[in-house]
């Protein structure tokens, strides 16, 4: 008895959806790697960056695994070995819930970031930028307290700029992947 049967219908698989998954997945990987590099470089000096680096690493692993699954097995009907079909359905629902959680977290993070930037005082930002320049030129004798774990390099500025453009890809990936996984969920124990 075969466990995996490839569906003959084109309902759960589409070239355009696979292309979108690949495009959005690559954009997320670029964004995560751009944020992972400074987190790994600063992990020795700043132990609080280690959880961020671990989260980014596991997010990259999750995206790569999910893209691989969706590109290869999106046109699959899962037949359960067990007499009940809830085991594969629970696994697929867990991945769908993870995608929806990532989507919600991205939306909330972006809203909080937007809210913080719109309500921040521009004078405060100029004062902080001057303090960062003083910190690098004179050492830590600056009159303004600067956290040495704050990333102030040019690479971090590039990462913050690219984040604005790559954010929509993370949102769309979560939604498209959830839809494709839901179609696979519907095809559990359904004959092809």
N, C-alpha and C. Protein backbone atom coordinates (compact mmCIF):
# COMPACT_ATOMS: atom_id res chain seq x y z
N UNK A 1 0.84 -1.17 0.00
CA UNK A 1 0.00 0.00 0.00
C UNK A 1 0.90 1.25 0.00
N UNK A 2 0.73 2.09 -0.98
CA UNK A 2 1.56 3.29 -1.08
C UNK A 2 1.05 4.36 -0.12
N UNK A 3 2.00 5.08 0.46
CA UNK A 3 1.65 6.13 1.41
C UNK A 3 1.42 7.47 0.73
N UNK A 4 2.09 7.68 -0.39
CA UNK A 4 1.98 8.96 -1.08
C UNK A 4 1.55 8.71 -2.51
N UNK A 5 0.47 9.29 -2.91
CA UNK A 5 -0.03 9.19 -4.28
C UNK A 5 -0.07 10.58 -4.88
N UNK A 6 0.47 10.72 -6.08
CA UNK A 6 0.45 12.01 -6.75
C UNK A 6 -0.90 12.22 -7.41
N UNK A 7 -1.50 13.34 -7.15
CA UNK A 7 -2.84 13.64 -7.66
C UNK A 7 -2.79 13.90 -9.16
N UNK A 8 -3.85 13.48 -9.83
CA UNK A 8 -3.93 13.72 -11.26
C UNK A 8 -4.57 15.06 -11.57
N UNK A 9 -5.27 15.61 -10.60
CA UNK A 9 -5.92 16.90 -10.82
C UNK A 9 -4.90 18.01 -10.65
N UNK A 10 -5.24 19.16 -11.15
CA UNK A 10 -4.35 20.31 -11.05
C UNK A 10 -4.85 21.27 -9.97
N UNK A 11 -5.75 20.78 -9.10
CA UNK A 11 -6.38 21.63 -8.11
C UNK A 11 -5.38 22.12 -7.06
N UNK A 12 -4.50 21.25 -6.58
CA UNK A 12 -3.61 21.63 -5.48
C UNK A 12 -2.24 22.07 -5.95
N UNK A 13 -2.02 22.15 -7.22
CA UNK A 13 -0.69 22.52 -7.69
C UNK A 13 -0.82 23.45 -8.90
N UNK A 14 -0.03 24.48 -8.90
CA UNK A 14 -0.06 25.43 -9.98
C UNK A 14 1.34 25.99 -10.15
N UNK A 15 1.76 26.13 -11.37
CA UNK A 15 3.10 26.67 -11.63
C UNK A 15 3.28 28.05 -11.05
N UNK A 16 2.27 28.86 -11.15
CA UNK A 16 2.38 30.24 -10.67
C UNK A 16 2.48 30.28 -9.14
N UNK A 17 1.73 29.44 -8.48
CA UNK A 17 1.82 29.39 -7.01
C UNK A 17 3.19 28.88 -6.57
N UNK A 18 3.71 27.89 -7.28
CA UNK A 18 5.05 27.40 -6.95
C UNK A 18 6.10 28.48 -7.21
N UNK A 19 5.91 29.23 -8.28
CA UNK A 19 6.84 30.34 -8.56
C UNK A 19 6.77 31.41 -7.49
N UNK A 20 5.55 31.72 -7.03
CA UNK A 20 5.40 32.69 -5.94
C UNK A 20 6.03 32.20 -4.65
N UNK A 21 5.83 30.93 -4.34
CA UNK A 21 6.44 30.35 -3.14
C UNK A 21 7.96 30.46 -3.23
N UNK A 22 8.51 30.14 -4.38
CA UNK A 22 9.97 30.22 -4.55
C UNK A 22 10.46 31.67 -4.44
N UNK A 23 9.78 32.60 -5.08
CA UNK A 23 10.17 34.01 -5.03
C UNK A 23 10.07 34.56 -3.61
N UNK A 24 8.94 34.33 -2.96
CA UNK A 24 8.75 34.83 -1.60
C UNK A 24 9.72 34.16 -0.63
N UNK A 25 9.94 32.86 -0.81
CA UNK A 25 10.88 32.14 0.05
C UNK A 25 12.29 32.68 -0.08
N UNK A 26 12.73 32.96 -1.32
CA UNK A 26 14.07 33.52 -1.52
C UNK A 26 14.19 34.91 -0.90
N UNK A 27 13.15 35.71 -1.02
CA UNK A 27 13.18 37.05 -0.41
C UNK A 27 13.27 36.95 1.11
N UNK A 28 12.55 36.01 1.71
CA UNK A 28 12.62 35.82 3.16
C UNK A 28 14.01 35.35 3.56
N UNK A 29 14.58 34.43 2.78
CA UNK A 29 15.92 33.95 3.10
C UNK A 29 16.95 35.07 3.03
N UNK A 30 16.83 35.93 2.04
CA UNK A 30 17.75 37.07 1.93
C UNK A 30 17.59 37.98 3.15
N UNK A 31 16.36 38.26 3.53
CA UNK A 31 16.12 39.11 4.70
C UNK A 31 16.66 38.48 5.97
N UNK A 32 16.41 37.19 6.16
CA UNK A 32 16.90 36.52 7.38
C UNK A 32 18.42 36.46 7.43
N UNK A 33 19.06 36.19 6.30
CA UNK A 33 20.53 36.13 6.28
C UNK A 33 21.13 37.51 6.53
N UNK A 34 20.50 38.55 5.98
CA UNK A 34 20.99 39.91 6.21
C UNK A 34 20.91 40.26 7.69
N UNK A 35 19.90 39.77 8.39
CA UNK A 35 19.78 40.04 9.83
C UNK A 35 20.58 39.04 10.68
N UNK A 36 20.85 37.87 10.12
CA UNK A 36 21.58 36.85 10.86
C UNK A 36 23.07 37.18 10.97
N UNK A 37 23.63 37.76 9.93
CA UNK A 37 25.07 38.06 9.92
C UNK A 37 25.46 38.99 11.06
N UNK A 38 24.82 40.15 11.25
CA UNK A 38 25.21 40.99 12.40
C UNK A 38 24.92 40.33 13.75
N UNK A 39 23.85 39.54 13.82
CA UNK A 39 23.53 38.89 15.09
C UNK A 39 24.61 37.88 15.46
N UNK A 40 25.14 37.17 14.47
CA UNK A 40 26.21 36.22 14.75
C UNK A 40 27.53 36.92 15.06
N UNK A 41 27.80 38.03 14.40
CA UNK A 41 29.04 38.76 14.66
C UNK A 41 29.04 39.37 16.06
N UNK A 42 27.89 39.82 16.52
CA UNK A 42 27.80 40.45 17.83
C UNK A 42 27.49 39.47 18.95
N UNK A 43 27.30 38.20 18.64
CA UNK A 43 26.90 37.23 19.67
C UNK A 43 27.97 37.06 20.75
N UNK A 44 29.24 37.21 20.39
CA UNK A 44 30.30 37.06 21.39
C UNK A 44 30.29 38.24 22.37
N UNK A 45 30.04 39.45 21.87
CA UNK A 45 30.03 40.64 22.72
C UNK A 45 28.69 40.82 23.43
N UNK A 46 27.63 40.44 22.79
CA UNK A 46 26.29 40.69 23.30
C UNK A 46 25.52 39.37 23.41
N UNK A 47 25.50 38.77 24.58
CA UNK A 47 24.80 37.49 24.72
C UNK A 47 23.31 37.56 24.43
N UNK A 48 22.70 38.75 24.54
CA UNK A 48 21.27 38.85 24.25
C UNK A 48 20.97 38.70 22.77
N UNK A 49 21.97 38.71 21.90
CA UNK A 49 21.76 38.49 20.47
C UNK A 49 21.70 37.01 20.11
N UNK A 50 22.11 36.14 21.03
CA UNK A 50 22.10 34.70 20.73
C UNK A 50 20.70 34.16 20.47
N UNK A 51 19.68 34.52 21.25
CA UNK A 51 18.33 34.04 20.92
C UNK A 51 17.82 34.56 19.58
N UNK A 52 18.17 35.79 19.24
CA UNK A 52 17.77 36.34 17.94
C UNK A 52 18.43 35.56 16.81
N UNK A 53 19.72 35.24 16.98
CA UNK A 53 20.43 34.46 15.96
C UNK A 53 19.83 33.07 15.84
N UNK A 54 19.49 32.45 16.96
CA UNK A 54 18.89 31.12 16.92
C UNK A 54 17.51 31.17 16.25
N UNK A 55 16.72 32.20 16.56
CA UNK A 55 15.40 32.33 15.94
C UNK A 55 15.52 32.50 14.43
N UNK A 56 16.47 33.33 14.01
CA UNK A 56 16.67 33.54 12.57
C UNK A 56 17.15 32.27 11.89
N UNK A 57 18.04 31.53 12.55
CA UNK A 57 18.54 30.28 11.97
C UNK A 57 17.40 29.27 11.79
N UNK A 58 16.57 29.11 12.82
CA UNK A 58 15.47 28.15 12.72
C UNK A 58 14.39 28.64 11.76
N UNK A 59 14.24 29.95 11.61
CA UNK A 59 13.29 30.47 10.62
C UNK A 59 13.78 30.16 9.21
N UNK A 60 15.08 30.31 8.98
CA UNK A 60 15.65 29.95 7.67
C UNK A 60 15.43 28.46 7.40
N UNK A 61 15.69 27.62 8.39
CA UNK A 61 15.49 26.18 8.25
C UNK A 61 14.02 25.86 7.96
N UNK A 62 13.10 26.52 8.65
CA UNK A 62 11.67 26.31 8.44
C UNK A 62 11.26 26.71 7.02
N UNK A 63 11.75 27.85 6.55
CA UNK A 63 11.38 28.32 5.21
C UNK A 63 11.94 27.39 4.13
N UNK A 64 13.20 26.97 4.28
CA UNK A 64 13.79 26.07 3.29
C UNK A 64 13.04 24.74 3.25
N UNK A 65 12.74 24.19 4.42
CA UNK A 65 12.00 22.93 4.48
C UNK A 65 10.61 23.07 3.88
N UNK A 66 9.95 24.14 4.21
CA UNK A 66 8.59 24.34 3.71
C UNK A 66 8.58 24.57 2.20
N UNK A 67 9.52 25.37 1.69
CA UNK A 67 9.60 25.57 0.24
C UNK A 67 9.88 24.26 -0.47
N UNK A 68 10.79 23.46 0.07
CA UNK A 68 11.09 22.16 -0.54
C UNK A 68 9.85 21.27 -0.57
N UNK A 69 9.14 21.23 0.54
CA UNK A 69 7.93 20.41 0.60
C UNK A 69 6.89 20.90 -0.40
N UNK A 70 6.66 22.20 -0.44
CA UNK A 70 5.61 22.73 -1.31
C UNK A 70 5.98 22.61 -2.79
N UNK A 71 7.25 22.71 -3.12
CA UNK A 71 7.65 22.59 -4.51
C UNK A 71 7.59 21.14 -5.00
N UNK A 72 7.88 20.19 -4.12
CA UNK A 72 7.92 18.80 -4.54
C UNK A 72 6.61 18.08 -4.28
N UNK A 73 6.02 18.30 -3.11
CA UNK A 73 4.88 17.49 -2.69
C UNK A 73 3.55 18.24 -2.65
N UNK A 74 3.44 19.37 -3.31
CA UNK A 74 2.17 20.10 -3.24
C UNK A 74 1.06 19.39 -4.00
N UNK A 75 1.42 18.48 -4.86
CA UNK A 75 0.43 17.76 -5.67
C UNK A 75 0.31 16.31 -5.16
N UNK A 76 0.23 16.17 -3.85
CA UNK A 76 0.27 14.86 -3.23
C UNK A 76 -1.00 14.62 -2.43
N UNK A 77 -1.49 13.40 -2.48
CA UNK A 77 -2.55 12.96 -1.59
C UNK A 77 -1.91 12.06 -0.56
N UNK A 78 -2.05 12.40 0.71
CA UNK A 78 -1.47 11.60 1.77
C UNK A 78 -2.45 10.54 2.22
N UNK A 79 -2.00 9.30 2.21
CA UNK A 79 -2.80 8.20 2.74
C UNK A 79 -2.23 7.81 4.08
N UNK A 80 -3.04 7.80 5.06
CA UNK A 80 -2.60 7.52 6.42
C UNK A 80 -2.46 6.02 6.63
N UNK A 81 -1.39 5.60 7.31
CA UNK A 81 -1.19 4.21 7.65
C UNK A 81 -2.20 3.82 8.73
N UNK A 82 -2.53 4.79 9.58
CA UNK A 82 -3.45 4.54 10.66
C UNK A 82 -4.89 4.50 10.12
N UNK A 83 -5.76 3.94 10.90
CA UNK A 83 -7.15 3.86 10.47
C UNK A 83 -7.82 5.23 10.50
N UNK A 84 -7.21 6.15 11.23
CA UNK A 84 -7.76 7.51 11.30
C UNK A 84 -6.88 8.44 10.48
N UNK A 85 -7.48 9.42 9.88
CA UNK A 85 -6.72 10.36 9.04
C UNK A 85 -6.31 11.61 9.80
N UNK A 86 -6.47 11.63 11.13
CA UNK A 86 -6.18 12.85 11.87
C UNK A 86 -4.68 13.08 12.09
N UNK A 87 -3.85 12.05 12.02
CA UNK A 87 -2.41 12.22 12.28
C UNK A 87 -1.77 13.14 11.22
N UNK A 88 -1.91 12.84 9.91
CA UNK A 88 -1.33 13.77 8.92
C UNK A 88 -2.00 15.14 8.95
N UNK A 89 -3.29 15.15 9.25
CA UNK A 89 -4.01 16.43 9.31
C UNK A 89 -3.50 17.31 10.44
N UNK A 90 -3.17 16.70 11.58
CA UNK A 90 -2.63 17.46 12.70
C UNK A 90 -1.28 18.08 12.32
N UNK A 91 -0.43 17.29 11.66
CA UNK A 91 0.87 17.81 11.23
C UNK A 91 0.73 18.98 10.27
N UNK A 92 -0.16 18.84 9.30
CA UNK A 92 -0.37 19.93 8.34
C UNK A 92 -0.98 21.15 9.02
N UNK A 93 -1.90 20.93 9.95
CA UNK A 93 -2.49 22.07 10.66
C UNK A 93 -1.46 22.77 11.54
N UNK A 94 -0.51 22.02 12.08
CA UNK A 94 0.56 22.63 12.87
C UNK A 94 1.41 23.57 12.00
N UNK A 95 1.72 23.14 10.79
CA UNK A 95 2.51 23.99 9.89
C UNK A 95 1.68 25.19 9.44
N UNK A 96 0.39 24.98 9.18
CA UNK A 96 -0.48 26.10 8.80
C UNK A 96 -0.57 27.10 9.95
N UNK A 97 -0.72 26.60 11.17
CA UNK A 97 -0.79 27.48 12.34
C UNK A 97 0.53 28.24 12.53
N UNK A 98 1.65 27.58 12.27
CA UNK A 98 2.95 28.26 12.36
C UNK A 98 3.04 29.37 11.33
N UNK A 99 2.59 29.10 10.11
CA UNK A 99 2.59 30.14 9.08
C UNK A 99 1.70 31.31 9.46
N UNK A 100 0.53 31.02 9.98
CA UNK A 100 -0.37 32.10 10.37
C UNK A 100 0.19 32.88 11.56
N UNK A 101 0.89 32.19 12.46
CA UNK A 101 1.54 32.87 13.59
C UNK A 101 2.66 33.78 13.09
N UNK A 102 3.43 33.29 12.12
CA UNK A 102 4.48 34.13 11.52
C UNK A 102 3.87 35.35 10.83
N UNK A 103 2.76 35.13 10.15
CA UNK A 103 2.08 36.23 9.48
C UNK A 103 1.63 37.28 10.50
N UNK A 104 0.97 36.83 11.56
CA UNK A 104 0.49 37.75 12.58
C UNK A 104 1.63 38.47 13.28
N UNK A 105 2.70 37.75 13.60
CA UNK A 105 3.86 38.37 14.25
C UNK A 105 4.50 39.41 13.33
N UNK A 106 4.57 39.14 12.04
CA UNK A 106 5.13 40.11 11.10
C UNK A 106 4.28 41.37 11.04
N UNK A 107 2.98 41.20 11.01
CA UNK A 107 2.08 42.36 10.97
C UNK A 107 2.21 43.19 12.24
N UNK A 108 2.22 42.53 13.39
CA UNK A 108 2.31 43.25 14.67
C UNK A 108 3.67 43.95 14.80
N UNK A 109 4.75 43.26 14.42
CA UNK A 109 6.08 43.87 14.49
C UNK A 109 6.18 45.10 13.59
N UNK A 110 5.64 44.98 12.39
CA UNK A 110 5.70 46.12 11.47
C UNK A 110 4.85 47.28 11.97
N UNK A 111 3.68 46.98 12.54
CA UNK A 111 2.85 48.04 13.08
C UNK A 111 3.53 48.73 14.26
N UNK A 112 4.17 47.96 15.13
CA UNK A 112 4.89 48.54 16.27
C UNK A 112 6.07 49.37 15.79
N UNK A 113 6.77 48.88 14.78
CA UNK A 113 7.91 49.61 14.23
C UNK A 113 7.44 50.92 13.58
N UNK A 114 6.35 50.86 12.84
CA UNK A 114 5.82 52.05 12.20
C UNK A 114 5.35 53.05 13.25
N UNK A 115 4.68 52.57 14.28
CA UNK A 115 4.18 53.42 15.34
C UNK A 115 5.34 54.10 16.08
N UNK A 116 6.38 53.34 16.35
CA UNK A 116 7.55 53.89 17.05
C UNK A 116 8.24 54.96 16.20
N UNK A 117 8.38 54.70 14.92
CA UNK A 117 9.07 55.66 14.04
C UNK A 117 8.26 56.93 13.84
N UNK A 118 6.95 56.82 13.79
CA UNK A 118 6.13 58.01 13.56
C UNK A 118 5.98 58.88 14.80
N UNK A 119 6.14 58.30 15.98
CA UNK A 119 5.98 59.07 17.20
C UNK A 119 7.31 59.46 17.83
N UNK A 120 8.41 59.06 17.23
CA UNK A 120 9.72 59.39 17.79
C UNK A 120 10.07 60.84 17.46
N UNK A 121 10.77 61.45 18.34
CA UNK A 121 11.19 62.83 18.16
C UNK A 121 12.42 62.86 17.26
N UNK A 122 12.40 63.66 16.21
CA UNK A 122 13.53 63.70 15.29
C UNK A 122 14.77 64.28 15.98
N UNK A 123 14.58 65.16 16.94
CA UNK A 123 15.71 65.70 17.69
C UNK A 123 16.43 64.59 18.45
N UNK A 124 15.66 63.67 19.00
CA UNK A 124 16.25 62.54 19.72
C UNK A 124 17.12 61.70 18.79
N UNK A 125 16.65 61.49 17.54
CA UNK A 125 17.43 60.70 16.59
C UNK A 125 18.72 61.41 16.19
N UNK A 126 18.65 62.73 16.00
CA UNK A 126 19.87 63.47 15.67
C UNK A 126 20.86 63.44 16.82
N UNK A 127 20.36 63.58 18.05
CA UNK A 127 21.21 63.55 19.23
C UNK A 127 21.85 62.17 19.38
N UNK A 128 21.09 61.11 19.12
CA UNK A 128 21.62 59.75 19.24
C UNK A 128 22.65 59.48 18.15
N UNK A 129 22.42 59.95 16.93
CA UNK A 129 23.39 59.76 15.85
C UNK A 129 24.69 60.47 16.18
N UNK A 130 24.60 61.67 16.73
CA UNK A 130 25.81 62.39 17.13
C UNK A 130 26.53 61.65 18.25
N UNK A 131 25.77 61.07 19.18
CA UNK A 131 26.38 60.33 20.28
C UNK A 131 27.07 59.07 19.78
N UNK A 132 26.48 58.42 18.78
CA UNK A 132 27.11 57.23 18.22
C UNK A 132 28.42 57.60 17.54
N UNK A 133 28.43 58.74 16.81
CA UNK A 133 29.67 59.20 16.19
C UNK A 133 30.71 59.52 17.26
N UNK A 134 30.29 60.17 18.35
CA UNK A 134 31.21 60.46 19.45
C UNK A 134 31.73 59.18 20.08
N UNK A 135 30.86 58.20 20.21
CA UNK A 135 31.24 56.95 20.84
C UNK A 135 32.34 56.27 20.04
N UNK A 136 32.20 56.29 18.72
CA UNK A 136 33.21 55.64 17.89
C UNK A 136 34.50 56.45 17.80
N UNK A 137 34.40 57.76 17.86
CA UNK A 137 35.62 58.56 17.73
C UNK A 137 36.36 58.72 19.06
N UNK A 138 35.66 58.82 20.17
CA UNK A 138 36.29 59.07 21.45
C UNK A 138 36.26 57.89 22.40
N UNK A 139 35.63 56.81 22.03
CA UNK A 139 35.48 55.70 22.96
C UNK A 139 34.17 55.85 23.69
N UNK A 140 34.08 55.30 24.88
CA UNK A 140 32.82 55.31 25.62
C UNK A 140 32.69 56.53 26.53
N UNK A 141 33.44 57.60 26.29
CA UNK A 141 33.34 58.81 27.11
C UNK A 141 32.25 59.75 26.64
N UNK A 142 31.36 59.28 25.83
CA UNK A 142 30.29 60.12 25.30
C UNK A 142 29.33 60.53 26.41
N UNK A 143 28.75 61.72 26.25
CA UNK A 143 27.80 62.20 27.25
C UNK A 143 26.46 61.48 27.13
N UNK A 144 26.21 60.85 26.00
CA UNK A 144 24.95 60.14 25.77
C UNK A 144 25.22 58.65 25.91
N UNK A 145 24.42 57.96 26.66
CA UNK A 145 24.63 56.54 26.92
C UNK A 145 24.23 55.73 25.68
N UNK A 146 25.21 55.06 25.07
CA UNK A 146 24.97 54.26 23.88
C UNK A 146 25.21 52.80 24.23
N UNK A 147 24.27 51.98 23.88
CA UNK A 147 24.40 50.55 24.13
C UNK A 147 25.39 49.97 23.12
N UNK A 148 26.45 49.31 23.57
CA UNK A 148 27.42 48.76 22.63
C UNK A 148 26.85 47.60 21.81
N UNK A 149 25.70 47.07 22.20
CA UNK A 149 25.08 45.98 21.45
C UNK A 149 24.21 46.49 20.30
N UNK A 150 23.96 47.81 20.25
CA UNK A 150 23.23 48.36 19.12
C UNK A 150 24.11 48.30 17.89
N UNK A 151 23.55 47.82 16.84
CA UNK A 151 24.30 47.71 15.58
C UNK A 151 24.25 49.06 14.88
N UNK A 152 25.42 49.67 14.70
CA UNK A 152 25.50 50.99 14.09
C UNK A 152 26.37 50.99 12.84
N UNK A 153 26.69 49.81 12.32
CA UNK A 153 27.55 49.75 11.13
C UNK A 153 26.74 50.06 9.87
N UNK A 154 27.44 50.21 8.79
CA UNK A 154 26.79 50.48 7.51
C UNK A 154 25.97 49.27 7.06
N UNK A 155 26.45 48.09 7.37
CA UNK A 155 25.72 46.87 7.02
C UNK A 155 24.36 46.84 7.73
N UNK A 156 24.32 47.29 8.99
CA UNK A 156 23.06 47.33 9.73
C UNK A 156 22.09 48.34 9.13
N UNK A 157 22.63 49.46 8.63
CA UNK A 157 21.77 50.43 7.95
C UNK A 157 21.17 49.83 6.68
N UNK A 158 21.98 49.06 5.97
CA UNK A 158 21.48 48.38 4.76
C UNK A 158 20.40 47.37 5.14
N UNK A 159 20.63 46.64 6.23
CA UNK A 159 19.64 45.66 6.68
C UNK A 159 18.32 46.33 7.05
N UNK A 160 18.40 47.47 7.71
CA UNK A 160 17.17 48.18 8.08
C UNK A 160 16.45 48.72 6.86
N UNK A 161 17.20 49.13 5.86
CA UNK A 161 16.59 49.63 4.62
C UNK A 161 15.94 48.50 3.83
N UNK A 162 16.63 47.37 3.71
CA UNK A 162 16.07 46.26 2.93
C UNK A 162 14.87 45.64 3.63
N UNK A 163 14.82 45.76 4.95
CA UNK A 163 13.69 45.19 5.69
C UNK A 163 12.36 45.80 5.24
N UNK A 164 12.38 47.08 4.88
CA UNK A 164 11.16 47.74 4.43
C UNK A 164 10.65 47.14 3.13
N UNK A 165 11.58 46.72 2.27
CA UNK A 165 11.18 46.18 0.97
C UNK A 165 10.89 44.69 1.02
N UNK A 166 11.52 43.97 1.94
CA UNK A 166 11.35 42.53 2.00
C UNK A 166 10.23 42.09 2.94
N UNK A 167 9.71 43.01 3.74
CA UNK A 167 8.62 42.68 4.66
C UNK A 167 7.39 42.13 3.95
N UNK A 168 6.91 42.71 2.86
CA UNK A 168 5.71 42.17 2.21
C UNK A 168 5.88 40.74 1.72
N UNK A 169 7.11 40.35 1.38
CA UNK A 169 7.33 38.97 0.92
C UNK A 169 7.06 37.97 2.04
N UNK A 170 7.44 38.31 3.26
CA UNK A 170 7.20 37.42 4.40
C UNK A 170 5.71 37.26 4.65
N UNK A 171 4.98 38.35 4.53
CA UNK A 171 3.53 38.30 4.75
C UNK A 171 2.87 37.44 3.67
N UNK A 172 3.21 37.69 2.43
CA UNK A 172 2.58 36.95 1.33
C UNK A 172 2.98 35.48 1.34
N UNK A 173 4.22 35.18 1.68
CA UNK A 173 4.65 33.79 1.74
C UNK A 173 3.80 33.02 2.74
N UNK A 174 3.59 33.59 3.90
CA UNK A 174 2.80 32.91 4.93
C UNK A 174 1.39 32.63 4.44
N UNK A 175 0.80 33.58 3.75
CA UNK A 175 -0.58 33.39 3.27
C UNK A 175 -0.66 32.38 2.13
N UNK A 176 0.23 32.48 1.15
CA UNK A 176 0.19 31.55 0.01
C UNK A 176 0.53 30.14 0.46
N UNK A 177 1.55 30.00 1.30
CA UNK A 177 1.93 28.67 1.79
C UNK A 177 0.80 28.05 2.61
N UNK A 178 0.13 28.85 3.42
CA UNK A 178 -1.00 28.33 4.20
C UNK A 178 -2.12 27.84 3.30
N UNK A 179 -2.39 28.57 2.24
CA UNK A 179 -3.43 28.14 1.29
C UNK A 179 -3.06 26.83 0.61
N UNK A 180 -1.82 26.72 0.17
CA UNK A 180 -1.39 25.48 -0.49
C UNK A 180 -1.41 24.31 0.49
N UNK A 181 -0.99 24.54 1.72
CA UNK A 181 -1.01 23.47 2.71
C UNK A 181 -2.44 23.09 3.09
N UNK A 182 -3.35 24.05 3.07
CA UNK A 182 -4.75 23.74 3.36
C UNK A 182 -5.34 22.84 2.28
N UNK A 183 -4.96 23.06 1.04
CA UNK A 183 -5.44 22.19 -0.05
C UNK A 183 -4.87 20.79 0.14
N UNK A 184 -3.61 20.69 0.53
CA UNK A 184 -3.03 19.37 0.82
C UNK A 184 -3.75 18.73 2.01
N UNK A 185 -4.09 19.54 3.01
CA UNK A 185 -4.82 19.05 4.18
C UNK A 185 -6.17 18.47 3.77
N UNK A 186 -6.84 19.12 2.82
CA UNK A 186 -8.12 18.64 2.35
C UNK A 186 -7.97 17.30 1.60
N UNK A 187 -6.81 17.05 1.01
CA UNK A 187 -6.60 15.84 0.21
C UNK A 187 -6.08 14.65 1.02
N UNK A 188 -6.03 14.77 2.34
CA UNK A 188 -5.59 13.63 3.16
C UNK A 188 -6.64 12.53 3.08
N UNK A 189 -6.20 11.34 2.69
CA UNK A 189 -7.05 10.14 2.55
C UNK A 189 -8.17 10.30 1.52
N UNK A 190 -7.95 11.18 0.55
CA UNK A 190 -8.90 11.31 -0.55
C UNK A 190 -8.27 10.64 -1.76
N UNK A 191 -8.97 9.70 -2.39
CA UNK A 191 -8.36 9.02 -3.55
C UNK A 191 -8.08 10.01 -4.67
N UNK A 192 -6.97 9.81 -5.39
CA UNK A 192 -6.62 10.75 -6.47
C UNK A 192 -7.57 10.68 -7.64
